[in-house]
Amino acid sequence: MIIMLPACGRKLFYYSRPVMAPAEKGGVPDMIDKAEIMDENGIMRAVTRIAHEIIEKNKGVENVHLIGIQRRGVPLAKLIADKIYEVEGTEVPVGILDITFYRDDLSMLAEHPVVNGTEINFSVTDKIIVLVDDVLYTGRTVRSAIDAVMDIGRPRMIQLAILIDRGHRELPIRADYVGKNVPTSKTEMVNVKLVDIDNVNIVTLSDLESGMRH
């Protein structure tokens, strides 16, 4: 299958077999939670802090636009935008960037990030773009998101807001705003669950190896 991005005419080839959600996109089905990292209050405190840090770093929110990375980066971006509105009285535009992972083998982690679509109803040129995602892991998702934004226009700056940074970076990518740093092993999975998608606000840690045994 081929996806054509209208903005640049670039063809992206990918395998059409869907995969289970990779570690940096919210976990794998049937994982058994072994620890709670954040409860609802913890998530909302992190969102509030990130919103204030965005305002402070950019000396206000003029020309600040948020882009949430599907799936859970989108409700997080909306929560941050709502909090910014509470503080500044200014509505910050929120766009959506859909990046899907596909694989061509039987490995649990997908290797091929593919831009699956965008819902960005504003110009990114000369704007301060804050990418929002739930978990930062290898950095491949963020790299694809940056490429997609640059295909659309030329922002003044691209920043990154992450709820959970779990380490194990493969690319030189660092978040500007982090809700919580959680050291993990590569066999562990961080599961961000949000009301808009999962009917609950919680972040848990599960073990890949124990999940594969069940």
N, C-alpha and C. Protein backbone atom coordinates (compact mmCIF):
# COMPACT_ATOMS: atom_id res chain seq x y z
N MET A 1 0.84 -1.18 0.00
CA MET A 1 0.00 0.00 0.00
C MET A 1 0.88 1.24 0.00
N ILE A 2 0.42 2.33 -0.63
CA ILE A 2 1.18 3.57 -0.71
C ILE A 2 0.33 4.71 -0.19
N ILE A 3 0.91 5.54 0.66
CA ILE A 3 0.25 6.79 1.08
C ILE A 3 0.97 7.94 0.41
N MET A 4 0.24 8.86 -0.18
CA MET A 4 0.83 10.05 -0.78
C MET A 4 0.50 11.24 0.09
N LEU A 5 1.51 11.93 0.57
CA LEU A 5 1.29 13.14 1.33
C LEU A 5 1.18 14.32 0.37
N PRO A 6 0.01 14.98 0.34
CA PRO A 6 -0.20 16.07 -0.63
C PRO A 6 0.81 17.19 -0.51
N ALA A 7 1.28 17.48 0.70
CA ALA A 7 2.13 18.65 0.90
C ALA A 7 3.47 18.53 0.19
N CYS A 8 3.94 17.29 0.06
CA CYS A 8 5.28 17.15 -0.52
C CYS A 8 5.33 16.14 -1.66
N GLY A 9 4.22 15.41 -1.86
CA GLY A 9 4.21 14.42 -2.92
C GLY A 9 5.06 13.20 -2.63
N ARG A 10 5.49 13.06 -1.38
CA ARG A 10 6.37 11.94 -1.03
C ARG A 10 5.57 10.66 -0.87
N LYS A 11 6.05 9.58 -1.43
CA LYS A 11 5.39 8.30 -1.29
C LYS A 11 6.00 7.56 -0.11
N LEU A 12 5.12 7.00 0.70
CA LEU A 12 5.57 6.21 1.84
C LEU A 12 5.07 4.78 1.68
N PHE A 13 5.98 3.82 1.68
CA PHE A 13 5.62 2.43 1.53
C PHE A 13 5.56 1.77 2.90
N TYR A 14 4.56 0.95 3.14
CA TYR A 14 4.54 0.22 4.40
C TYR A 14 3.79 -1.09 4.24
N TYR A 15 4.06 -2.00 5.14
CA TYR A 15 3.37 -3.28 5.16
C TYR A 15 2.00 -3.09 5.78
N SER A 16 1.02 -3.80 5.25
CA SER A 16 -0.35 -3.53 5.63
C SER A 16 -0.82 -4.33 6.84
N ARG A 17 0.07 -5.12 7.46
CA ARG A 17 -0.35 -5.88 8.61
C ARG A 17 -0.29 -5.01 9.87
N PRO A 18 -1.43 -4.79 10.57
CA PRO A 18 -1.41 -3.96 11.77
C PRO A 18 -0.69 -4.67 12.91
N VAL A 19 -0.23 -3.89 13.85
CA VAL A 19 0.50 -4.46 14.97
C VAL A 19 -0.14 -4.06 16.28
N MET A 20 0.25 -4.78 17.33
CA MET A 20 -0.14 -4.40 18.67
C MET A 20 0.59 -3.12 19.03
N ALA A 21 -0.02 -2.33 19.89
CA ALA A 21 0.55 -1.02 20.22
C ALA A 21 1.95 -1.16 20.78
N PRO A 22 2.93 -0.40 20.23
CA PRO A 22 4.29 -0.47 20.73
C PRO A 22 4.44 0.24 22.05
N ALA A 23 5.62 0.10 22.66
CA ALA A 23 5.84 0.61 24.00
C ALA A 23 5.61 2.10 24.09
N GLU A 24 5.97 2.88 23.05
CA GLU A 24 5.85 4.32 23.18
C GLU A 24 4.49 4.82 22.71
N LYS A 25 3.57 3.89 22.44
CA LYS A 25 2.23 4.32 22.06
C LYS A 25 1.17 3.78 23.01
N GLY A 26 1.58 3.39 24.20
CA GLY A 26 0.56 3.13 25.21
C GLY A 26 0.41 1.68 25.62
N GLY A 27 1.32 0.77 25.20
CA GLY A 27 1.28 -0.59 25.73
C GLY A 27 0.80 -1.62 24.76
N VAL A 28 0.77 -2.89 25.22
CA VAL A 28 0.37 -4.03 24.42
C VAL A 28 -0.83 -4.68 25.08
N PRO A 29 -1.81 -5.17 24.29
CA PRO A 29 -2.99 -5.78 24.87
C PRO A 29 -2.64 -6.93 25.80
N ASP A 30 -3.49 -7.15 26.83
CA ASP A 30 -3.37 -8.27 27.76
C ASP A 30 -2.15 -8.17 28.66
N MET A 31 -1.56 -7.00 28.79
CA MET A 31 -0.50 -6.82 29.75
C MET A 31 -1.09 -6.81 31.16
N ILE A 32 -0.33 -7.32 32.12
CA ILE A 32 -0.76 -7.33 33.50
C ILE A 32 -0.06 -6.19 34.23
N ASP A 33 -0.82 -5.23 34.74
CA ASP A 33 -0.23 -4.10 35.44
C ASP A 33 0.47 -4.57 36.71
N LYS A 34 1.69 -4.09 36.92
CA LYS A 34 2.41 -4.46 38.13
C LYS A 34 2.65 -3.25 39.04
N ALA A 35 2.42 -2.05 38.54
CA ALA A 35 2.60 -0.86 39.36
C ALA A 35 1.81 0.30 38.78
N GLU A 36 1.35 1.19 39.66
CA GLU A 36 0.68 2.42 39.23
C GLU A 36 1.69 3.56 39.30
N ILE A 37 1.89 4.21 38.15
CA ILE A 37 2.86 5.31 38.08
C ILE A 37 2.21 6.64 38.43
N MET A 38 1.03 6.89 37.90
CA MET A 38 0.31 8.13 38.16
C MET A 38 -1.19 7.84 38.26
N ASP A 39 -1.84 8.47 39.23
CA ASP A 39 -3.30 8.41 39.29
C ASP A 39 -3.87 9.64 38.60
N GLU A 40 -5.17 9.81 38.66
CA GLU A 40 -5.81 10.93 37.95
C GLU A 40 -5.29 12.27 38.46
N ASN A 41 -5.15 12.41 39.77
CA ASN A 41 -4.65 13.67 40.32
C ASN A 41 -3.23 13.94 39.84
N GLY A 42 -2.41 12.89 39.78
CA GLY A 42 -1.04 13.06 39.31
C GLY A 42 -0.98 13.50 37.86
N ILE A 43 -1.85 12.93 37.03
CA ILE A 43 -1.90 13.31 35.61
C ILE A 43 -2.31 14.77 35.48
N MET A 44 -3.32 15.18 36.22
CA MET A 44 -3.80 16.57 36.11
C MET A 44 -2.78 17.56 36.66
N ARG A 45 -2.04 17.16 37.70
CA ARG A 45 -0.97 18.04 38.19
C ARG A 45 0.11 18.21 37.13
N ALA A 46 0.44 17.10 36.45
CA ALA A 46 1.46 17.16 35.40
C ALA A 46 1.00 18.03 34.24
N VAL A 47 -0.27 17.90 33.86
CA VAL A 47 -0.83 18.71 32.78
C VAL A 47 -0.78 20.20 33.15
N THR A 48 -1.14 20.51 34.39
CA THR A 48 -1.13 21.90 34.86
C THR A 48 0.29 22.46 34.83
N ARG A 49 1.24 21.67 35.30
CA ARG A 49 2.64 22.14 35.31
C ARG A 49 3.16 22.36 33.90
N ILE A 50 2.86 21.43 32.98
CA ILE A 50 3.30 21.57 31.59
C ILE A 50 2.70 22.83 30.97
N ALA A 51 1.42 23.08 31.23
CA ALA A 51 0.76 24.27 30.68
C ALA A 51 1.46 25.54 31.17
N HIS A 52 1.75 25.60 32.46
CA HIS A 52 2.44 26.78 33.02
C HIS A 52 3.84 26.92 32.43
N GLU A 53 4.53 25.80 32.24
CA GLU A 53 5.89 25.86 31.68
C GLU A 53 5.87 26.33 30.23
N ILE A 54 4.86 25.92 29.47
CA ILE A 54 4.73 26.39 28.09
C ILE A 54 4.53 27.90 28.06
N ILE A 55 3.67 28.39 28.95
CA ILE A 55 3.42 29.84 29.02
C ILE A 55 4.69 30.58 29.40
N GLU A 56 5.40 30.06 30.40
CA GLU A 56 6.60 30.73 30.89
C GLU A 56 7.72 30.71 29.85
N LYS A 57 7.96 29.55 29.24
CA LYS A 57 9.06 29.41 28.29
C LYS A 57 8.86 30.32 27.08
N ASN A 58 7.60 30.46 26.65
CA ASN A 58 7.32 31.23 25.44
C ASN A 58 6.84 32.65 25.73
N LYS A 59 6.92 33.04 27.02
CA LYS A 59 6.52 34.39 27.44
C LYS A 59 5.09 34.72 26.96
N GLY A 60 4.20 33.77 27.24
CA GLY A 60 2.82 33.87 26.79
C GLY A 60 2.52 32.79 25.77
N VAL A 61 1.39 32.87 25.12
CA VAL A 61 1.01 31.83 24.16
C VAL A 61 0.71 32.40 22.78
N GLU A 62 1.16 33.61 22.52
CA GLU A 62 0.99 34.17 21.18
C GLU A 62 1.77 33.32 20.18
N ASN A 63 1.11 32.88 19.15
CA ASN A 63 1.70 32.05 18.10
C ASN A 63 2.01 30.62 18.56
N VAL A 64 1.55 30.23 19.76
CA VAL A 64 1.73 28.85 20.22
C VAL A 64 0.56 28.00 19.72
N HIS A 65 0.89 26.89 19.07
CA HIS A 65 -0.11 25.93 18.60
C HIS A 65 0.30 24.54 19.07
N LEU A 66 -0.68 23.75 19.50
CA LEU A 66 -0.42 22.39 19.96
C LEU A 66 -0.81 21.39 18.89
N ILE A 67 -0.02 20.33 18.76
CA ILE A 67 -0.37 19.23 17.86
C ILE A 67 -0.23 17.93 18.65
N GLY A 68 -1.36 17.25 18.86
CA GLY A 68 -1.36 15.98 19.58
C GLY A 68 -1.09 14.83 18.63
N ILE A 69 -0.28 13.89 19.09
CA ILE A 69 0.03 12.69 18.30
C ILE A 69 -0.95 11.60 18.72
N GLN A 70 -1.70 11.09 17.75
CA GLN A 70 -2.66 10.03 18.03
C GLN A 70 -1.97 8.83 18.68
N ARG A 71 -2.62 8.09 19.66
CA ARG A 71 -3.98 8.44 20.04
C ARG A 71 -3.98 9.32 21.28
N ARG A 72 -3.25 8.94 22.31
CA ARG A 72 -3.42 9.60 23.60
C ARG A 72 -2.73 10.96 23.70
N GLY A 73 -1.92 11.29 22.72
CA GLY A 73 -1.37 12.63 22.70
C GLY A 73 -2.42 13.68 22.38
N VAL A 74 -3.50 13.26 21.74
CA VAL A 74 -4.56 14.20 21.36
C VAL A 74 -5.36 14.68 22.58
N PRO A 75 -5.92 13.76 23.40
CA PRO A 75 -6.61 14.26 24.60
C PRO A 75 -5.68 14.99 25.56
N LEU A 76 -4.41 14.60 25.60
CA LEU A 76 -3.45 15.32 26.44
C LEU A 76 -3.27 16.76 25.94
N ALA A 77 -3.17 16.93 24.62
CA ALA A 77 -3.03 18.26 24.04
C ALA A 77 -4.26 19.12 24.37
N LYS A 78 -5.43 18.51 24.32
CA LYS A 78 -6.67 19.25 24.63
C LYS A 78 -6.72 19.65 26.10
N LEU A 79 -6.24 18.76 26.98
CA LEU A 79 -6.19 19.08 28.40
C LEU A 79 -5.24 20.25 28.66
N ILE A 80 -4.09 20.23 28.00
CA ILE A 80 -3.12 21.31 28.15
C ILE A 80 -3.70 22.62 27.62
N ALA A 81 -4.37 22.55 26.47
CA ALA A 81 -4.99 23.75 25.90
C ALA A 81 -6.05 24.32 26.83
N ASP A 82 -6.84 23.43 27.45
CA ASP A 82 -7.88 23.89 28.40
C ASP A 82 -7.24 24.58 29.60
N LYS A 83 -6.14 24.02 30.09
CA LYS A 83 -5.46 24.61 31.24
C LYS A 83 -4.84 25.97 30.88
N ILE A 84 -4.28 26.06 29.67
CA ILE A 84 -3.73 27.35 29.22
C ILE A 84 -4.84 28.39 29.15
N TYR A 85 -6.01 27.98 28.68
CA TYR A 85 -7.14 28.92 28.59
C TYR A 85 -7.55 29.40 29.98
N GLU A 86 -7.53 28.49 30.97
CA GLU A 86 -7.86 28.88 32.34
C GLU A 86 -6.90 29.95 32.86
N VAL A 87 -5.63 29.81 32.51
CA VAL A 87 -4.60 30.71 33.03
C VAL A 87 -4.53 32.01 32.23
N GLU A 88 -4.53 31.89 30.90
CA GLU A 88 -4.28 33.04 30.03
C GLU A 88 -5.54 33.64 29.42
N GLY A 89 -6.63 32.88 29.44
CA GLY A 89 -7.84 33.36 28.78
C GLY A 89 -7.72 33.36 27.27
N THR A 90 -6.78 32.58 26.75
CA THR A 90 -6.54 32.51 25.30
C THR A 90 -6.70 31.08 24.82
N GLU A 91 -7.46 30.91 23.75
CA GLU A 91 -7.63 29.58 23.17
C GLU A 91 -6.45 29.26 22.26
N VAL A 92 -5.76 28.18 22.58
CA VAL A 92 -4.63 27.74 21.77
C VAL A 92 -5.12 26.67 20.79
N PRO A 93 -4.89 26.86 19.48
CA PRO A 93 -5.33 25.87 18.51
C PRO A 93 -4.69 24.49 18.75
N VAL A 94 -5.46 23.45 18.50
CA VAL A 94 -4.97 22.07 18.68
C VAL A 94 -5.16 21.30 17.38
N GLY A 95 -4.08 20.75 16.85
CA GLY A 95 -4.15 19.90 15.66
C GLY A 95 -3.91 18.45 16.03
N ILE A 96 -4.12 17.57 15.06
CA ILE A 96 -3.97 16.13 15.27
C ILE A 96 -3.04 15.55 14.22
N LEU A 97 -2.11 14.75 14.67
CA LEU A 97 -1.17 14.07 13.77
C LEU A 97 -1.26 12.58 14.05
N ASP A 98 -1.60 11.81 13.04
CA ASP A 98 -1.78 10.37 13.20
C ASP A 98 -0.56 9.64 12.67
N ILE A 99 0.19 9.01 13.56
CA ILE A 99 1.36 8.22 13.16
C ILE A 99 1.13 6.78 13.56
N THR A 100 1.10 5.90 12.57
CA THR A 100 0.83 4.49 12.80
C THR A 100 2.12 3.69 12.66
N PHE A 101 2.24 2.63 13.46
CA PHE A 101 3.40 1.75 13.36
C PHE A 101 3.00 0.45 12.67
N TYR A 102 3.85 0.02 11.74
CA TYR A 102 3.65 -1.26 11.06
C TYR A 102 4.94 -2.07 11.17
N ARG A 103 4.80 -3.39 11.05
CA ARG A 103 5.98 -4.24 11.14
C ARG A 103 5.98 -5.26 10.01
N ASP A 104 7.16 -5.84 9.74
CA ASP A 104 7.26 -6.85 8.69
C ASP A 104 7.84 -8.14 9.23
N ASP A 105 7.78 -8.31 10.54
CA ASP A 105 8.26 -9.56 11.14
C ASP A 105 7.37 -9.87 12.34
N LEU A 106 7.81 -10.76 13.20
CA LEU A 106 6.99 -11.19 14.32
C LEU A 106 7.42 -10.54 15.63
N SER A 107 8.24 -9.51 15.56
CA SER A 107 8.69 -8.86 16.78
C SER A 107 7.53 -8.11 17.43
N MET A 108 7.61 -7.95 18.74
CA MET A 108 6.53 -7.27 19.46
C MET A 108 6.53 -5.77 19.17
N LEU A 109 7.71 -5.19 18.99
CA LEU A 109 7.79 -3.76 18.76
C LEU A 109 7.81 -3.43 17.28
N ALA A 110 6.96 -2.53 16.87
CA ALA A 110 6.93 -2.12 15.47
C ALA A 110 8.12 -1.23 15.16
N GLU A 111 8.61 -1.32 13.94
CA GLU A 111 9.82 -0.59 13.56
C GLU A 111 9.57 0.53 12.57
N HIS A 112 8.39 0.58 11.95
CA HIS A 112 8.18 1.48 10.83
C HIS A 112 7.11 2.52 11.13
N PRO A 113 7.50 3.72 11.56
CA PRO A 113 6.50 4.77 11.78
C PRO A 113 6.01 5.34 10.46
N VAL A 114 4.70 5.45 10.30
CA VAL A 114 4.12 5.95 9.06
C VAL A 114 3.14 7.06 9.39
N VAL A 115 3.26 8.20 8.73
CA VAL A 115 2.29 9.28 8.89
C VAL A 115 1.01 8.87 8.20
N ASN A 116 -0.04 8.69 9.00
CA ASN A 116 -1.29 8.13 8.48
C ASN A 116 -2.30 9.22 8.15
N GLY A 117 -2.04 10.43 8.59
CA GLY A 117 -2.96 11.52 8.29
C GLY A 117 -2.80 12.67 9.26
N THR A 118 -3.32 13.83 8.89
CA THR A 118 -3.27 15.00 9.75
C THR A 118 -4.61 15.69 9.79
N GLU A 119 -4.88 16.36 10.89
CA GLU A 119 -6.05 17.22 11.01
C GLU A 119 -5.54 18.52 11.63
N ILE A 120 -4.86 19.29 10.81
CA ILE A 120 -4.23 20.53 11.27
C ILE A 120 -4.84 21.67 10.46
N ASN A 121 -5.78 22.35 11.07
CA ASN A 121 -6.54 23.39 10.37
C ASN A 121 -5.97 24.78 10.61
N PHE A 122 -4.64 24.86 10.64
CA PHE A 122 -3.98 26.16 10.81
C PHE A 122 -2.62 26.09 10.14
N SER A 123 -2.08 27.24 9.84
CA SER A 123 -0.74 27.30 9.26
C SER A 123 0.29 27.10 10.37
N VAL A 124 1.32 26.30 10.09
CA VAL A 124 2.39 26.09 11.07
C VAL A 124 3.56 27.04 10.82
N THR A 125 3.53 27.72 9.70
CA THR A 125 4.64 28.61 9.33
C THR A 125 4.79 29.75 10.32
N ASP A 126 6.01 29.92 10.82
CA ASP A 126 6.37 30.97 11.77
C ASP A 126 5.62 30.86 13.09
N LYS A 127 5.09 29.66 13.39
CA LYS A 127 4.40 29.44 14.66
C LYS A 127 5.31 28.63 15.59
N ILE A 128 5.01 28.70 16.88
CA ILE A 128 5.66 27.84 17.87
C ILE A 128 4.79 26.60 18.02
N ILE A 129 5.28 25.48 17.51
CA ILE A 129 4.51 24.24 17.52
C ILE A 129 4.96 23.38 18.69
N VAL A 130 4.01 23.00 19.53
CA VAL A 130 4.30 22.09 20.63
C VAL A 130 3.68 20.73 20.31
N LEU A 131 4.52 19.75 20.02
CA LEU A 131 4.06 18.39 19.81
C LEU A 131 3.75 17.77 21.17
N VAL A 132 2.64 17.05 21.27
CA VAL A 132 2.24 16.45 22.54
C VAL A 132 2.03 14.95 22.35
N ASP A 133 2.67 14.15 23.19
CA ASP A 133 2.47 12.70 23.15
C ASP A 133 2.46 12.16 24.57
N ASP A 134 2.02 10.90 24.70
CA ASP A 134 1.91 10.34 26.04
C ASP A 134 3.22 9.80 26.58
N VAL A 135 3.94 9.01 25.77
CA VAL A 135 5.18 8.38 26.23
C VAL A 135 6.31 8.63 25.25
N LEU A 136 7.46 9.02 25.76
CA LEU A 136 8.66 9.17 24.93
C LEU A 136 9.58 7.99 25.22
N TYR A 137 9.93 7.26 24.16
CA TYR A 137 10.74 6.05 24.31
C TYR A 137 11.94 6.17 23.37
N THR A 138 11.91 5.53 22.22
CA THR A 138 13.05 5.54 21.31
C THR A 138 13.23 6.90 20.63
N GLY A 139 12.13 7.62 20.43
CA GLY A 139 12.18 8.89 19.72
C GLY A 139 11.75 8.78 18.26
N ARG A 140 11.46 7.57 17.79
CA ARG A 140 11.09 7.40 16.38
C ARG A 140 9.76 8.10 16.05
N THR A 141 8.80 8.01 16.97
CA THR A 141 7.52 8.67 16.74
C THR A 141 7.69 10.17 16.60
N VAL A 142 8.47 10.75 17.50
CA VAL A 142 8.68 12.20 17.47
C VAL A 142 9.40 12.62 16.21
N ARG A 143 10.40 11.85 15.80
CA ARG A 143 11.11 12.18 14.56
C ARG A 143 10.14 12.21 13.37
N SER A 144 9.26 11.23 13.29
CA SER A 144 8.28 11.21 12.20
C SER A 144 7.32 12.39 12.29
N ALA A 145 6.96 12.76 13.53
CA ALA A 145 6.07 13.90 13.71
C ALA A 145 6.73 15.20 13.26
N ILE A 146 8.00 15.35 13.61
CA ILE A 146 8.73 16.56 13.19
C ILE A 146 8.81 16.62 11.67
N ASP A 147 9.12 15.49 11.03
CA ASP A 147 9.18 15.46 9.57
C ASP A 147 7.85 15.85 8.95
N ALA A 148 6.75 15.36 9.55
CA ALA A 148 5.42 15.66 9.01
C ALA A 148 5.10 17.15 9.13
N VAL A 149 5.45 17.74 10.27
CA VAL A 149 5.20 19.17 10.45
C VAL A 149 6.02 19.99 9.46
N MET A 150 7.28 19.61 9.27
CA MET A 150 8.15 20.33 8.35
C MET A 150 7.68 20.19 6.90
N ASP A 151 6.98 19.11 6.60
CA ASP A 151 6.42 18.94 5.26
C ASP A 151 5.27 19.92 5.02
N ILE A 152 4.60 20.33 6.10
CA ILE A 152 3.45 21.22 5.97
C ILE A 152 3.88 22.68 5.86
N GLY A 153 4.89 23.06 6.61
CA GLY A 153 5.35 24.45 6.61
C GLY A 153 6.64 24.59 7.39
N ARG A 154 7.01 25.81 7.71
CA ARG A 154 8.26 26.07 8.42
C ARG A 154 7.97 26.81 9.73
N PRO A 155 7.83 26.06 10.82
CA PRO A 155 7.56 26.69 12.11
C PRO A 155 8.74 27.51 12.57
N ARG A 156 8.47 28.48 13.45
CA ARG A 156 9.54 29.23 14.08
C ARG A 156 10.32 28.32 15.02
N MET A 157 9.58 27.40 15.67
CA MET A 157 10.20 26.51 16.63
C MET A 157 9.29 25.30 16.84
N ILE A 158 9.89 24.14 17.08
CA ILE A 158 9.12 22.95 17.44
C ILE A 158 9.56 22.51 18.83
N GLN A 159 8.60 22.41 19.74
CA GLN A 159 8.87 21.94 21.09
C GLN A 159 8.13 20.63 21.33
N LEU A 160 8.50 19.94 22.40
CA LEU A 160 7.92 18.61 22.67
C LEU A 160 7.46 18.53 24.11
N ALA A 161 6.19 18.15 24.29
CA ALA A 161 5.62 17.93 25.62
C ALA A 161 5.23 16.46 25.76
N ILE A 162 5.70 15.83 26.82
CA ILE A 162 5.51 14.40 27.03
C ILE A 162 4.98 14.16 28.44
N LEU A 163 4.01 13.27 28.58
CA LEU A 163 3.53 12.94 29.93
C LEU A 163 4.54 12.06 30.67
N ILE A 164 5.04 11.01 29.98
CA ILE A 164 5.99 10.08 30.59
C ILE A 164 7.22 9.93 29.71
N ASP A 165 8.39 10.18 30.28
CA ASP A 165 9.65 9.88 29.59
C ASP A 165 10.24 8.63 30.23
N ARG A 166 10.30 7.54 29.46
CA ARG A 166 10.75 6.26 30.01
C ARG A 166 12.19 5.92 29.64
N GLY A 167 12.87 6.82 28.92
CA GLY A 167 14.28 6.58 28.59
C GLY A 167 14.44 5.68 27.38
N HIS A 168 15.65 5.13 27.22
CA HIS A 168 16.01 4.21 26.12
C HIS A 168 15.95 4.90 24.75
N ARG A 169 16.43 6.12 24.68
CA ARG A 169 16.39 6.86 23.42
C ARG A 169 17.34 6.27 22.39
N GLU A 170 16.89 6.17 21.15
CA GLU A 170 17.72 5.75 20.02
C GLU A 170 18.13 6.96 19.17
N LEU A 171 17.45 8.08 19.36
CA LEU A 171 17.72 9.29 18.59
C LEU A 171 17.97 10.44 19.56
N PRO A 172 18.73 11.46 19.14
CA PRO A 172 19.05 12.59 20.02
C PRO A 172 17.86 13.54 20.17
N ILE A 173 16.81 13.05 20.83
CA ILE A 173 15.58 13.82 21.01
C ILE A 173 15.30 13.95 22.51
N ARG A 174 15.06 15.19 22.95
CA ARG A 174 14.77 15.44 24.36
C ARG A 174 13.53 16.31 24.47
N ALA A 175 12.65 15.96 25.40
CA ALA A 175 11.41 16.71 25.58
C ALA A 175 11.68 18.03 26.28
N ASP A 176 10.94 19.07 25.88
CA ASP A 176 11.02 20.37 26.55
C ASP A 176 10.19 20.38 27.83
N TYR A 177 9.11 19.60 27.82
CA TYR A 177 8.21 19.55 28.97
C TYR A 177 7.90 18.08 29.27
N VAL A 178 8.14 17.67 30.51
CA VAL A 178 7.95 16.27 30.91
C VAL A 178 7.09 16.21 32.16
N GLY A 179 6.03 15.40 32.10
CA GLY A 179 5.20 15.22 33.28
C GLY A 179 5.89 14.42 34.35
N LYS A 180 6.55 13.32 33.94
CA LYS A 180 7.24 12.45 34.90
C LYS A 180 8.28 11.61 34.18
N ASN A 181 9.48 11.54 34.74
CA ASN A 181 10.51 10.64 34.24
C ASN A 181 10.38 9.31 34.96
N VAL A 182 10.28 8.22 34.18
CA VAL A 182 10.10 6.89 34.76
C VAL A 182 11.16 5.95 34.19
N PRO A 183 12.23 5.67 34.92
CA PRO A 183 13.23 4.72 34.44
C PRO A 183 12.58 3.33 34.26
N THR A 184 12.81 2.72 33.11
CA THR A 184 12.21 1.41 32.83
C THR A 184 13.25 0.49 32.21
N SER A 185 12.94 -0.80 32.22
CA SER A 185 13.71 -1.75 31.44
C SER A 185 13.02 -1.90 30.09
N LYS A 186 13.72 -2.49 29.14
CA LYS A 186 13.14 -2.64 27.80
C LYS A 186 12.04 -3.69 27.75
N THR A 187 11.92 -4.50 28.80
CA THR A 187 10.85 -5.50 28.84
C THR A 187 9.60 -4.96 29.53
N GLU A 188 9.67 -3.74 30.02
CA GLU A 188 8.52 -3.14 30.68
C GLU A 188 7.76 -2.24 29.71
N MET A 189 6.47 -2.09 29.96
CA MET A 189 5.61 -1.27 29.12
C MET A 189 4.93 -0.21 29.97
N VAL A 190 4.91 1.01 29.46
CA VAL A 190 4.19 2.10 30.12
C VAL A 190 2.82 2.24 29.45
N ASN A 191 1.77 2.17 30.26
CA ASN A 191 0.40 2.21 29.74
C ASN A 191 -0.30 3.47 30.21
N VAL A 192 -0.48 4.42 29.31
CA VAL A 192 -1.22 5.64 29.63
C VAL A 192 -2.68 5.44 29.24
N LYS A 193 -3.56 5.60 30.21
CA LYS A 193 -4.99 5.43 29.96
C LYS A 193 -5.70 6.74 30.31
N LEU A 194 -6.47 7.24 29.35
CA LEU A 194 -7.14 8.53 29.53
C LEU A 194 -8.64 8.38 29.32
N VAL A 195 -9.40 9.22 30.00
CA VAL A 195 -10.86 9.11 30.00
C VAL A 195 -11.44 9.10 28.60
N ASP A 196 -10.95 9.98 27.73
CA ASP A 196 -11.52 10.09 26.38
C ASP A 196 -11.43 8.79 25.60
N ILE A 197 -10.47 7.95 25.93
CA ILE A 197 -10.25 6.71 25.18
C ILE A 197 -10.52 5.48 26.04
N ASP A 198 -10.07 5.53 27.31
CA ASP A 198 -10.08 4.34 28.16
C ASP A 198 -11.06 4.43 29.34
N ASN A 199 -11.78 5.56 29.44
CA ASN A 199 -12.74 5.77 30.53
C ASN A 199 -12.10 5.85 31.91
N VAL A 200 -10.80 6.09 31.96
CA VAL A 200 -10.11 6.25 33.23
C VAL A 200 -8.83 7.05 32.99
N ASN A 201 -8.41 7.82 33.99
CA ASN A 201 -7.14 8.53 33.90
C ASN A 201 -6.14 7.86 34.84
N ILE A 202 -5.19 7.15 34.27
CA ILE A 202 -4.21 6.44 35.08
C ILE A 202 -3.01 6.07 34.20
N VAL A 203 -1.84 5.96 34.80
CA VAL A 203 -0.66 5.47 34.10
C VAL A 203 -0.12 4.28 34.90
N THR A 204 0.06 3.16 34.22
CA THR A 204 0.53 1.95 34.89
C THR A 204 1.77 1.41 34.20
N LEU A 205 2.45 0.51 34.91
CA LEU A 205 3.62 -0.17 34.37
C LEU A 205 3.33 -1.65 34.33
N SER A 206 3.61 -2.28 33.19
CA SER A 206 3.41 -3.72 33.07
C SER A 206 4.67 -4.34 32.48
N ASP A 207 4.72 -5.68 32.52
CA ASP A 207 5.91 -6.39 32.09
C ASP A 207 5.62 -7.17 30.82
N LEU A 208 6.40 -6.91 29.79
CA LEU A 208 6.20 -7.56 28.50
C LEU A 208 6.34 -9.06 28.61
N GLU A 209 7.34 -9.53 29.33
CA GLU A 209 7.59 -10.97 29.42
C GLU A 209 6.47 -11.68 30.15
N SER A 210 5.94 -11.07 31.23
CA SER A 210 4.83 -11.71 31.94
C SER A 210 3.58 -11.72 31.08
N GLY A 211 3.40 -10.65 30.26
CA GLY A 211 2.24 -10.60 29.38
C GLY A 211 2.30 -11.67 28.31
N MET A 212 3.51 -11.97 27.83
CA MET A 212 3.65 -13.00 26.79
C MET A 212 3.44 -14.40 27.35
N ARG A 213 3.58 -14.55 28.67
CA ARG A 213 3.38 -15.87 29.27
C ARG A 213 1.92 -16.19 29.50
N HIS A 214 1.06 -15.15 29.43
CA HIS A 214 -0.36 -15.37 29.71
C HIS A 214 -1.15 -15.47 28.43
